[in-house]
Amino acid sequence: MAPRSQPTARQVRLGTELRKLRVSAGMSAREVVGILSSTSAQMSQVEAGLSGVSEERLRKLAALYGCGDEALIEALVEVATDRTRGWWEEYRDVLPPEFLDLAELENHARFIQVIATAHVPGLLQTEEYARAVFGYWVPPLPDNELDLWVAYRMRRQQILLRDNAVPYEAVLHESVLRTRVADRRVARGQLEELVRKSEHPGISVRVIPFDVDGFAGASSSLMYAGGRVPTLDTVQRDTPYGSAFLDAAAQLHDMRTLFRKVEEASLDPTRSRDFIHRLSKEL
């Protein structure tokens, strides 16, 4: 089978985790291919996410590496054997790959935690708010592409409302609530939508008011997606050149710590809902 030309972030992550297990076992790729009667090229492709790996081969590798973490092994098998084509695949070669990777990450997440200090998080945006955000891009998107990007963002929100909804917690700085990406009407509609969504089971919205002392995390925006096991958690952060996905153990630890610090500075969900409601009435 020919190597994948554009592996998804999830496929790359599987290869990354297999490489981590090999390195932790103190084995070189050359040693492994010799034992498994494989080739260096095949091993390289698997660890880069360019080729898939069967459940049988994955379990052999885990045994060879002396991995006794059964929960991790089962989680990796789940990724390796998943042949489901998500709805986002309809947009492949139409939207940037990181858009699809983000939707896939959200779809498989066991929970999602978000810190927002600039814009309302995508999963909580109204259509008009999303259109204003995408419409501000430089160079501007043609109308047909703008419609497509907005529709895609709205479709991502289904994970919060489906039967097996993903538990979602967002911490928003007051600056997010007061910034008008469009006009007063759109701003009011977005605040009202935040109130409605915060009332939905499984969705928690918390606010950090301007007058909270000791909050220096104005650049702390991130999305933390919980994996089937903590080792497979992933952090997504926006950069000037697209999305960055972080998965190193030290990075995950730091981002968990950061989220707890920011959460501690926020109002509880009930007071936050009242806070947002008051702001909507002021518009």
C-alpha atoms as a PDB file:
ATOM      1  CA  MET A   1       0.000   0.000   0.000  1.00  0.00           C
ATOM      2  CA  ALA A   2       1.372   3.410  -0.964  1.00  0.00           C
ATOM      3  CA  PRO A   3       2.225   5.791   1.891  1.00  0.00           C
ATOM      4  CA  ARG A   4      -0.349   8.443   2.756  1.00  0.00           C
ATOM      5  CA  SER A   5       0.379  11.793   1.163  1.00  0.00           C
ATOM      6  CA  GLN A   6      -1.412  13.801   3.888  1.00  0.00           C
ATOM      7  CA  PRO A   7      -1.800  11.886   7.145  1.00  0.00           C
ATOM      8  CA  THR A   8      -4.239  13.365   9.632  1.00  0.00           C
ATOM      9  CA  ALA A   9      -3.078  14.656  13.008  1.00  0.00           C
ATOM     10  CA  ARG A  10      -4.652  11.568  14.609  1.00  0.00           C
ATOM     11  CA  GLN A  11      -2.701   9.223  12.337  1.00  0.00           C
ATOM     12  CA  VAL A  12       0.504  11.106  13.024  1.00  0.00           C
ATOM     13  CA  ARG A  13      -0.198  10.913  16.768  1.00  0.00           C
ATOM     14  CA  LEU A  14      -0.489   7.117  16.616  1.00  0.00           C
ATOM     15  CA  GLY A  15       2.917   6.905  14.967  1.00  0.00           C
ATOM     16  CA  THR A  16       4.369   9.351  17.481  1.00  0.00           C
ATOM     17  CA  GLU A  17       3.168   7.256  20.416  1.00  0.00           C
ATOM     18  CA  LEU A  18       4.633   4.078  18.912  1.00  0.00           C
ATOM     19  CA  ARG A  19       7.945   5.852  18.458  1.00  0.00           C
ATOM     20  CA  LYS A  20       7.848   7.044  22.085  1.00  0.00           C
ATOM     21  CA  LEU A  21       7.303   3.464  23.268  1.00  0.00           C
ATOM     22  CA  ARG A  22      10.236   2.250  21.175  1.00  0.00           C
ATOM     23  CA  VAL A  23      12.543   4.970  22.447  1.00  0.00           C
ATOM     24  CA  SER A  24      11.462   4.331  26.061  1.00  0.00           C
ATOM     25  CA  ALA A  25      12.339   0.672  25.549  1.00  0.00           C
ATOM     26  CA  GLY A  26      15.819   1.713  24.451  1.00  0.00           C
ATOM     27  CA  MET A  27      15.449   0.041  21.060  1.00  0.00           C
ATOM     28  CA  SER A  28      16.544   1.336  17.679  1.00  0.00           C
ATOM     29  CA  ALA A  29      14.325   1.096  14.626  1.00  0.00           C
ATOM     30  CA  ARG A  30      16.936  -1.237  13.093  1.00  0.00           C
ATOM     31  CA  GLU A  31      16.585  -3.672  16.010  1.00  0.00           C
ATOM     32  CA  VAL A  32      12.808  -3.706  15.747  1.00  0.00           C
ATOM     33  CA  VAL A  33      12.624  -4.366  12.014  1.00  0.00           C
ATOM     34  CA  GLY A  34      15.117  -7.185  12.429  1.00  0.00           C
ATOM     35  CA  ILE A  35      12.956  -8.905  15.022  1.00  0.00           C
ATOM     36  CA  LEU A  36       9.676  -8.351  13.148  1.00  0.00           C
ATOM     37  CA  SER A  37      11.067  -9.122   9.687  1.00  0.00           C
ATOM     38  CA  SER A  38      10.014  -5.697   8.489  1.00  0.00           C
ATOM     39  CA  THR A  39      11.967  -2.958   6.727  1.00  0.00           C
ATOM     40  CA  SER A  40      13.375   0.349   7.925  1.00  0.00           C
ATOM     41  CA  ALA A  41      11.204   2.163   5.385  1.00  0.00           C
ATOM     42  CA  GLN A  42       8.039   0.507   6.702  1.00  0.00           C
ATOM     43  CA  MET A  43       8.932   1.299  10.317  1.00  0.00           C
ATOM     44  CA  SER A  44       9.707   4.913   9.413  1.00  0.00           C
ATOM     45  CA  GLN A  45       6.387   5.287   7.595  1.00  0.00           C
ATOM     46  CA  VAL A  46       4.400   3.842  10.505  1.00  0.00           C
ATOM     47  CA  GLU A  47       6.090   6.100  13.048  1.00  0.00           C
ATOM     48  CA  ALA A  48       5.500   9.139  10.819  1.00  0.00           C
ATOM     49  CA  GLY A  49       1.809   8.314  10.373  1.00  0.00           C
ATOM     50  CA  LEU A  50       2.339   7.711   6.659  1.00  0.00           C
ATOM     51  CA  SER A  51       1.278   4.065   6.931  1.00  0.00           C
ATOM     52  CA  GLY A  52      -1.271   2.321   9.104  1.00  0.00           C
ATOM     53  CA  VAL A  53      -0.563  -0.540  11.479  1.00  0.00           C
ATOM     54  CA  SER A  54      -2.731  -3.588  12.111  1.00  0.00           C
ATOM     55  CA  GLU A  55      -3.980  -4.507  15.567  1.00  0.00           C
ATOM     56  CA  GLU A  56      -1.818  -7.640  15.506  1.00  0.00           C
ATOM     57  CA  ARG A  57       1.317  -5.707  14.610  1.00  0.00           C
ATOM     58  CA  LEU A  58       0.566  -2.997  17.156  1.00  0.00           C
ATOM     59  CA  ARG A  59       0.176  -5.533  19.962  1.00  0.00           C
ATOM     60  CA  LYS A  60       3.422  -7.225  18.905  1.00  0.00           C
ATOM     61  CA  LEU A  61       5.203  -3.891  19.055  1.00  0.00           C
ATOM     62  CA  ALA A  62       3.757  -3.104  22.495  1.00  0.00           C
ATOM     63  CA  ALA A  63       4.897  -6.502  23.793  1.00  0.00           C
ATOM     64  CA  LEU A  64       8.335  -6.051  22.257  1.00  0.00           C
ATOM     65  CA  TYR A  65       8.644  -2.641  23.924  1.00  0.00           C
ATOM     66  CA  GLY A  66       7.602  -4.085  27.272  1.00  0.00           C
ATOM     67  CA  CYS A  67       4.575  -1.784  27.531  1.00  0.00           C
ATOM     68  CA  GLY A  68       2.422  -2.961  30.429  1.00  0.00           C
ATOM     69  CA  ASP A  69      -0.092  -0.118  30.204  1.00  0.00           C
ATOM     70  CA  GLU A  70      -3.112  -2.060  28.963  1.00  0.00           C
ATOM     71  CA  ALA A  71      -5.336   1.013  28.873  1.00  0.00           C
ATOM     72  CA  LEU A  72      -2.869   2.796  26.599  1.00  0.00           C
ATOM     73  CA  ILE A  73      -2.507  -0.241  24.349  1.00  0.00           C
ATOM     74  CA  GLU A  74      -6.279  -0.542  23.948  1.00  0.00           C
ATOM     75  CA  ALA A  75      -6.522   3.184  23.207  1.00  0.00           C
ATOM     76  CA  LEU A  76      -3.854   2.892  20.508  1.00  0.00           C
ATOM     77  CA  VAL A  77      -5.622  -0.141  19.027  1.00  0.00           C
ATOM     78  CA  GLU A  78      -8.817   1.921  18.883  1.00  0.00           C
ATOM     79  CA  VAL A  79      -7.041   4.604  16.865  1.00  0.00           C
ATOM     80  CA  ALA A  80      -5.277   2.089  14.614  1.00  0.00           C
ATOM     81  CA  THR A  81      -8.444   0.152  13.740  1.00  0.00           C
ATOM     82  CA  ASP A  82     -10.844   3.083  13.380  1.00  0.00           C
ATOM     83  CA  ARG A  83     -12.011   3.159   9.758  1.00  0.00           C
ATOM     84  CA  THR A  84     -14.847   5.622  10.292  1.00  0.00           C
ATOM     85  CA  ARG A  85     -15.024   8.495   7.815  1.00  0.00           C
ATOM     86  CA  GLY A  86     -16.184  11.500   9.764  1.00  0.00           C
ATOM     87  CA  TRP A  87     -18.384  14.201   8.271  1.00  0.00           C
ATOM     88  CA  TRP A  88     -15.316  16.475   8.050  1.00  0.00           C
ATOM     89  CA  GLU A  89     -13.881  14.294   5.286  1.00  0.00           C
ATOM     90  CA  GLU A  90     -16.408  15.911   2.941  1.00  0.00           C
ATOM     91  CA  TYR A  91     -14.263  19.048   3.199  1.00  0.00           C
ATOM     92  CA  ARG A  92     -10.884  17.455   2.429  1.00  0.00           C
ATOM     93  CA  ASP A  93      -9.037  19.376  -0.293  1.00  0.00           C
ATOM     94  CA  VAL A  94     -11.541  22.205   0.232  1.00  0.00           C
ATOM     95  CA  LEU A  95     -10.556  23.548   3.660  1.00  0.00           C
ATOM     96  CA  PRO A  96      -7.097  23.691   5.286  1.00  0.00           C
ATOM     97  CA  PRO A  97      -6.029  20.317   6.790  1.00  0.00           C
ATOM     98  CA  GLU A  98      -5.803  21.768  10.308  1.00  0.00           C
ATOM     99  CA  PHE A  99      -9.531  22.523  10.179  1.00  0.00           C
ATOM    100  CA  LEU A 100     -10.266  18.852   9.592  1.00  0.00           C
ATOM    101  CA  ASP A 101      -7.752  17.755  12.224  1.00  0.00           C
ATOM    102  CA  LEU A 102      -9.450  19.994  14.798  1.00  0.00           C
ATOM    103  CA  ALA A 103     -12.915  18.607  14.026  1.00  0.00           C
ATOM    104  CA  GLU A 104     -11.584  15.034  14.283  1.00  0.00           C
ATOM    105  CA  LEU A 105      -9.865  15.839  17.576  1.00  0.00           C
ATOM    106  CA  GLU A 106     -13.074  17.306  19.007  1.00  0.00           C
ATOM    107  CA  ASN A 107     -15.141  14.371  17.773  1.00  0.00           C
ATOM    108  CA  HIS A 108     -13.005  11.795  19.604  1.00  0.00           C
ATOM    109  CA  ALA A 109     -12.366  13.861  22.754  1.00  0.00           C
ATOM    110  CA  ARG A 110     -13.547  12.551  26.115  1.00  0.00           C
ATOM    111  CA  PHE A 111     -13.773  16.154  27.341  1.00  0.00           C
ATOM    112  CA  ILE A 112     -12.804  19.616  26.100  1.00  0.00           C
ATOM    113  CA  GLN A 113     -11.499  22.546  28.135  1.00  0.00           C
ATOM    114  CA  VAL A 114     -10.995  25.963  26.554  1.00  0.00           C
ATOM    115  CA  ILE A 115      -9.400  29.234  27.601  1.00  0.00           C
ATOM    116  CA  ALA A 116     -10.395  32.200  25.426  1.00  0.00           C
ATOM    117  CA  THR A 117      -9.003  35.721  25.770  1.00  0.00           C
ATOM    118  CA  ALA A 118      -9.626  37.088  22.274  1.00  0.00           C
ATOM    119  CA  HIS A 119     -12.702  35.563  20.581  1.00  0.00           C
ATOM    120  CA  VAL A 120     -15.661  33.474  21.662  1.00  0.00           C
ATOM    121  CA  PRO A 121     -14.609  29.825  21.134  1.00  0.00           C
ATOM    122  CA  GLY A 122     -15.713  28.373  17.808  1.00  0.00           C
ATOM    123  CA  LEU A 123     -18.022  25.777  19.365  1.00  0.00           C
ATOM    124  CA  LEU A 124     -19.972  28.554  21.102  1.00  0.00           C
ATOM    125  CA  GLN A 125     -20.156  31.079  18.267  1.00  0.00           C
ATOM    126  CA  THR A 126     -23.310  32.173  16.499  1.00  0.00           C
ATOM    127  CA  GLU A 127     -23.305  32.051  12.718  1.00  0.00           C
ATOM    128  CA  GLU A 128     -23.176  35.849  12.450  1.00  0.00           C
ATOM    129  CA  TYR A 129     -20.278  36.060  14.903  1.00  0.00           C
ATOM    130  CA  ALA A 130     -18.335  33.396  12.981  1.00  0.00           C
ATOM    131  CA  ARG A 131     -19.022  35.189   9.711  1.00  0.00           C
ATOM    132  CA  ALA A 132     -17.632  38.427  11.132  1.00  0.00           C
ATOM    133  CA  VAL A 133     -14.471  36.677  12.392  1.00  0.00           C
ATOM    134  CA  PHE A 134     -13.776  34.899   9.107  1.00  0.00           C
ATOM    135  CA  GLY A 135     -14.762  38.004   7.166  1.00  0.00           C
ATOM    136  CA  TYR A 136     -11.946  39.953   8.819  1.00  0.00           C
ATOM    137  CA  TRP A 137      -9.240  37.739   7.363  1.00  0.00           C
ATOM    138  CA  VAL A 138      -6.557  39.206   5.116  1.00  0.00           C
ATOM    139  CA  PRO A 139      -6.643  38.591   2.234  1.00  0.00           C
ATOM    140  CA  PRO A 140     -10.450  38.425   2.364  1.00  0.00           C
ATOM    141  CA  LEU A 141     -12.201  35.175   1.569  1.00  0.00           C
ATOM    142  CA  PRO A 142     -14.440  35.057  -1.528  1.00  0.00           C
ATOM    143  CA  ASP A 143     -18.132  34.908  -0.593  1.00  0.00           C
ATOM    144  CA  ASN A 144     -18.481  31.231  -1.527  1.00  0.00           C
ATOM    145  CA  GLU A 145     -15.481  30.264   0.621  1.00  0.00           C
ATOM    146  CA  LEU A 146     -16.700  32.414   3.493  1.00  0.00           C
ATOM    147  CA  ASP A 147     -20.057  30.589   3.419  1.00  0.00           C
ATOM    148  CA  LEU A 148     -18.235  27.250   3.439  1.00  0.00           C
ATOM    149  CA  TRP A 149     -15.992  28.124   6.376  1.00  0.00           C
ATOM    150  CA  VAL A 150     -18.920  29.410   8.435  1.00  0.00           C
ATOM    151  CA  ALA A 151     -21.036  26.330   7.678  1.00  0.00           C
ATOM    152  CA  TYR A 152     -18.138  24.107   8.696  1.00  0.00           C
ATOM    153  CA  ARG A 153     -17.744  25.890  12.027  1.00  0.00           C
ATOM    154  CA  MET A 154     -21.452  25.569  12.741  1.00  0.00           C
ATOM    155  CA  ARG A 155     -21.356  21.863  11.926  1.00  0.00           C
ATOM    156  CA  ARG A 156     -18.551  21.296  14.429  1.00  0.00           C
ATOM    157  CA  GLN A 157     -20.916  22.355  17.197  1.00  0.00           C
ATOM    158  CA  GLN A 158     -22.924  19.129  16.910  1.00  0.00           C
ATOM    159  CA  ILE A 159     -20.550  17.405  19.361  1.00  0.00           C
ATOM    160  CA  LEU A 160     -22.038  19.531  22.162  1.00  0.00           C
ATOM    161  CA  LEU A 161     -25.638  18.574  21.390  1.00  0.00           C
ATOM    162  CA  ARG A 162     -25.489  14.942  20.229  1.00  0.00           C
ATOM    163  CA  ASP A 163     -26.645  12.058  22.455  1.00  0.00           C
ATOM    164  CA  ASN A 164     -23.097  11.313  23.628  1.00  0.00           C
ATOM    165  CA  ALA A 165     -22.210  14.987  23.924  1.00  0.00           C
ATOM    166  CA  VAL A 166     -18.605  15.862  24.733  1.00  0.00           C
ATOM    167  CA  PRO A 167     -18.331  17.531  28.191  1.00  0.00           C
ATOM    168  CA  TYR A 168     -17.204  21.087  27.513  1.00  0.00           C
ATOM    169  CA  GLU A 169     -15.828  23.774  29.807  1.00  0.00           C
ATOM    170  CA  ALA A 170     -14.874  27.237  28.574  1.00  0.00           C
ATOM    171  CA  VAL A 171     -13.233  30.010  30.571  1.00  0.00           C
ATOM    172  CA  LEU A 172     -13.696  33.402  28.887  1.00  0.00           C
ATOM    173  CA  HIS A 173     -12.045  36.667  29.797  1.00  0.00           C
ATOM    174  CA  GLU A 174     -14.409  39.640  29.945  1.00  0.00           C
ATOM    175  CA  SER A 175     -12.574  41.153  26.973  1.00  0.00           C
ATOM    176  CA  VAL A 176     -14.005  38.330  24.839  1.00  0.00           C
ATOM    177  CA  LEU A 177     -17.527  39.296  25.845  1.00  0.00           C
ATOM    178  CA  ARG A 178     -17.085  43.028  25.271  1.00  0.00           C
ATOM    179  CA  THR A 179     -15.256  42.907  21.935  1.00  0.00           C
ATOM    180  CA  ARG A 180     -17.714  43.598  19.114  1.00  0.00           C
ATOM    181  CA  VAL A 181     -16.538  41.657  16.097  1.00  0.00           C
ATOM    182  CA  ALA A 182     -19.531  43.067  14.218  1.00  0.00           C
ATOM    183  CA  ASP A 183     -22.283  45.408  15.424  1.00  0.00           C
ATOM    184  CA  ARG A 184     -24.308  45.768  18.624  1.00  0.00           C
ATOM    185  CA  ARG A 185     -27.035  43.391  17.417  1.00  0.00           C
ATOM    186  CA  VAL A 186     -24.580  40.597  16.634  1.00  0.00           C
ATOM    187  CA  ALA A 187     -22.823  41.167  19.970  1.00  0.00           C
ATOM    188  CA  ARG A 188     -26.115  40.912  21.863  1.00  0.00           C
ATOM    189  CA  GLY A 189     -27.093  37.769  19.963  1.00  0.00           C
ATOM    190  CA  GLN A 190     -23.743  36.159  20.784  1.00  0.00           C
ATOM    191  CA  LEU A 191     -24.065  36.916  24.486  1.00  0.00           C
ATOM    192  CA  GLU A 192     -27.598  35.531  24.542  1.00  0.00           C
ATOM    193  CA  GLU A 193     -26.344  32.383  22.801  1.00  0.00           C
ATOM    194  CA  LEU A 194     -23.656  31.969  25.442  1.00  0.00           C
ATOM    195  CA  VAL A 195     -26.322  32.118  28.131  1.00  0.00           C
ATOM    196  CA  ARG A 196     -28.433  29.510  26.311  1.00  0.00           C
ATOM    197  CA  LYS A 197     -25.530  27.156  25.727  1.00  0.00           C
ATOM    198  CA  SER A 198     -24.337  27.506  29.324  1.00  0.00           C
ATOM    199  CA  GLU A 199     -27.713  26.137  30.438  1.00  0.00           C
ATOM    200  CA  HIS A 200     -27.206  22.949  28.430  1.00  0.00           C
ATOM    201  CA  PRO A 201     -26.121  19.839  30.382  1.00  0.00           C
ATOM    202  CA  GLY A 202     -22.433  19.178  29.908  1.00  0.00           C
ATOM    203  CA  ILE A 203     -21.555  22.751  28.918  1.00  0.00           C
ATOM    204  CA  SER A 204     -19.900  25.018  31.466  1.00  0.00           C
ATOM    205  CA  VAL A 205     -19.072  28.648  30.744  1.00  0.00           C
ATOM    206  CA  ARG A 206     -17.022  30.629  33.240  1.00  0.00           C
ATOM    207  CA  VAL A 207     -15.991  34.297  33.119  1.00  0.00           C
ATOM    208  CA  ILE A 208     -12.939  36.173  34.381  1.00  0.00           C
ATOM    209  CA  PRO A 209     -14.046  39.791  34.976  1.00  0.00           C
ATOM    210  CA  PHE A 210     -11.714  42.711  34.309  1.00  0.00           C
ATOM    211  CA  ASP A 211     -11.539  43.563  38.013  1.00  0.00           C
ATOM    212  CA  VAL A 212     -10.130  40.208  39.159  1.00  0.00           C
ATOM    213  CA  ASP A 213      -6.757  40.788  40.813  1.00  0.00           C
ATOM    214  CA  GLY A 214      -3.716  38.729  39.933  1.00  0.00           C
ATOM    215  CA  PHE A 215      -4.748  37.544  36.480  1.00  0.00           C
ATOM    216  CA  ALA A 216      -1.799  37.835  34.108  1.00  0.00           C
ATOM    217  CA  GLY A 217      -2.934  35.181  31.654  1.00  0.00           C
ATOM    218  CA  ALA A 218      -4.170  37.400  28.856  1.00  0.00           C
ATOM    219  CA  SER A 219      -2.244  35.308  26.317  1.00  0.00           C
ATOM    220  CA  SER A 220      -3.376  31.939  27.652  1.00  0.00           C
ATOM    221  CA  SER A 221      -5.802  30.881  24.909  1.00  0.00           C
ATOM    222  CA  LEU A 222      -5.855  27.128  24.305  1.00  0.00           C
ATOM    223  CA  MET A 223      -8.056  24.101  23.746  1.00  0.00           C
ATOM    224  CA  TYR A 224      -7.354  20.958  25.796  1.00  0.00           C
ATOM    225  CA  ALA A 225      -8.894  17.748  24.475  1.00  0.00           C
ATOM    226  CA  GLY A 226      -8.931  14.707  26.723  1.00  0.00           C
ATOM    227  CA  GLY A 227      -8.026  11.399  25.107  1.00  0.00           C
ATOM    228  CA  ARG A 228      -9.195   7.911  26.022  1.00  0.00           C
ATOM    229  CA  VAL A 229      -6.223   7.859  28.399  1.00  0.00           C
ATOM    230  CA  PRO A 230      -4.355  10.927  29.704  1.00  0.00           C
ATOM    231  CA  THR A 231      -1.269  10.006  27.668  1.00  0.00           C
ATOM    232  CA  LEU A 232      -3.313  10.687  24.528  1.00  0.00           C
ATOM    233  CA  ASP A 233      -4.552  14.125  25.585  1.00  0.00           C
ATOM    234  CA  THR A 234      -3.886  16.895  23.070  1.00  0.00           C
ATOM    235  CA  VAL A 235      -3.601  20.673  23.298  1.00  0.00           C
ATOM    236  CA  GLN A 236      -4.469  22.881  20.336  1.00  0.00           C
ATOM    237  CA  ARG A 237      -3.235  26.458  20.221  1.00  0.00           C
ATOM    238  CA  ASP A 238      -3.676  29.034  17.483  1.00  0.00           C
ATOM    239  CA  THR A 239      -0.588  30.613  15.972  1.00  0.00           C
ATOM    240  CA  PRO A 240      -0.190  33.344  13.330  1.00  0.00           C
ATOM    241  CA  TYR A 241       0.396  30.547  10.803  1.00  0.00           C
ATOM    242  CA  GLY A 242      -2.348  28.075  11.766  1.00  0.00           C
ATOM    243  CA  SER A 243      -3.002  25.569  14.512  1.00  0.00           C
ATOM    244  CA  ALA A 244      -0.336  23.861  16.601  1.00  0.00           C
ATOM    245  CA  PHE A 245      -1.050  20.511  18.275  1.00  0.00           C
ATOM    246  CA  LEU A 246       0.954  19.767  21.430  1.00  0.00           C
ATOM    247  CA  ASP A 247       1.238  16.280  22.918  1.00  0.00           C
ATOM    248  CA  ALA A 248       4.542  15.961  24.780  1.00  0.00           C
ATOM    249  CA  ALA A 249       4.036  14.877  28.397  1.00  0.00           C
ATOM    250  CA  ALA A 250       5.696  18.022  29.763  1.00  0.00           C
ATOM    251  CA  GLN A 251       3.565  20.244  27.531  1.00  0.00           C
ATOM    252  CA  LEU A 252       0.354  18.516  28.603  1.00  0.00           C
ATOM    253  CA  HIS A 253       1.305  18.878  32.269  1.00  0.00           C
ATOM    254  CA  ASP A 254       2.009  22.580  31.820  1.00  0.00           C
ATOM    255  CA  MET A 255      -1.273  23.175  29.982  1.00  0.00           C
ATOM    256  CA  ARG A 256      -3.281  21.323  32.652  1.00  0.00           C
ATOM    257  CA  THR A 257      -1.620  23.502  35.272  1.00  0.00           C
ATOM    258  CA  LEU A 258      -2.355  26.628  33.243  1.00  0.00           C
ATOM    259  CA  PHE A 259      -6.016  25.717  32.866  1.00  0.00           C
ATOM    260  CA  ARG A 260      -6.380  25.188  36.614  1.00  0.00           C
ATOM    261  CA  LYS A 261      -4.788  28.573  37.325  1.00  0.00           C
ATOM    262  CA  VAL A 262      -7.089  30.349  34.886  1.00  0.00           C
ATOM    263  CA  GLU A 263     -10.137  28.464  36.135  1.00  0.00           C
ATOM    264  CA  GLU A 264      -9.357  29.499  39.711  1.00  0.00           C
ATOM    265  CA  ALA A 265      -9.496  33.157  38.645  1.00  0.00           C
ATOM    266  CA  SER A 266     -12.980  32.788  37.121  1.00  0.00           C
ATOM    267  CA  LEU A 267     -16.482  33.112  38.502  1.00  0.00           C
ATOM    268  CA  ASP A 268     -18.444  29.923  39.034  1.00  0.00           C
ATOM    269  CA  PRO A 269     -20.835  28.889  36.184  1.00  0.00           C
ATOM    270  CA  THR A 270     -23.969  30.367  37.791  1.00  0.00           C
ATOM    271  CA  ARG A 271     -22.405  33.749  38.533  1.00  0.00           C
ATOM    272  CA  SER A 272     -20.801  33.711  35.085  1.00  0.00           C
ATOM    273  CA  ARG A 273     -24.177  33.126  33.423  1.00  0.00           C
ATOM    274  CA  ASP A 274     -25.636  36.069  35.362  1.00  0.00           C
ATOM    275  CA  PHE A 275     -22.624  38.191  34.393  1.00  0.00           C
ATOM    276  CA  ILE A 276     -23.099  37.461  30.682  1.00  0.00           C
ATOM    277  CA  HIS A 277     -26.835  38.063  30.944  1.00  0.00           C
ATOM    278  CA  ARG A 278     -26.246  41.502  32.481  1.00  0.00           C
ATOM    279  CA  LEU A 279     -23.841  42.426  29.709  1.00  0.00           C
ATOM    280  CA  SER A 280     -26.376  41.418  27.070  1.00  0.00           C
ATOM    281  CA  LYS A 281     -28.948  43.720  28.648  1.00  0.00           C
ATOM    282  CA  GLU A 282     -26.542  46.637  28.522  1.00  0.00           C
ATOM    283  CA  LEU A 283     -26.298  46.455  24.702  1.00  0.00           C
END
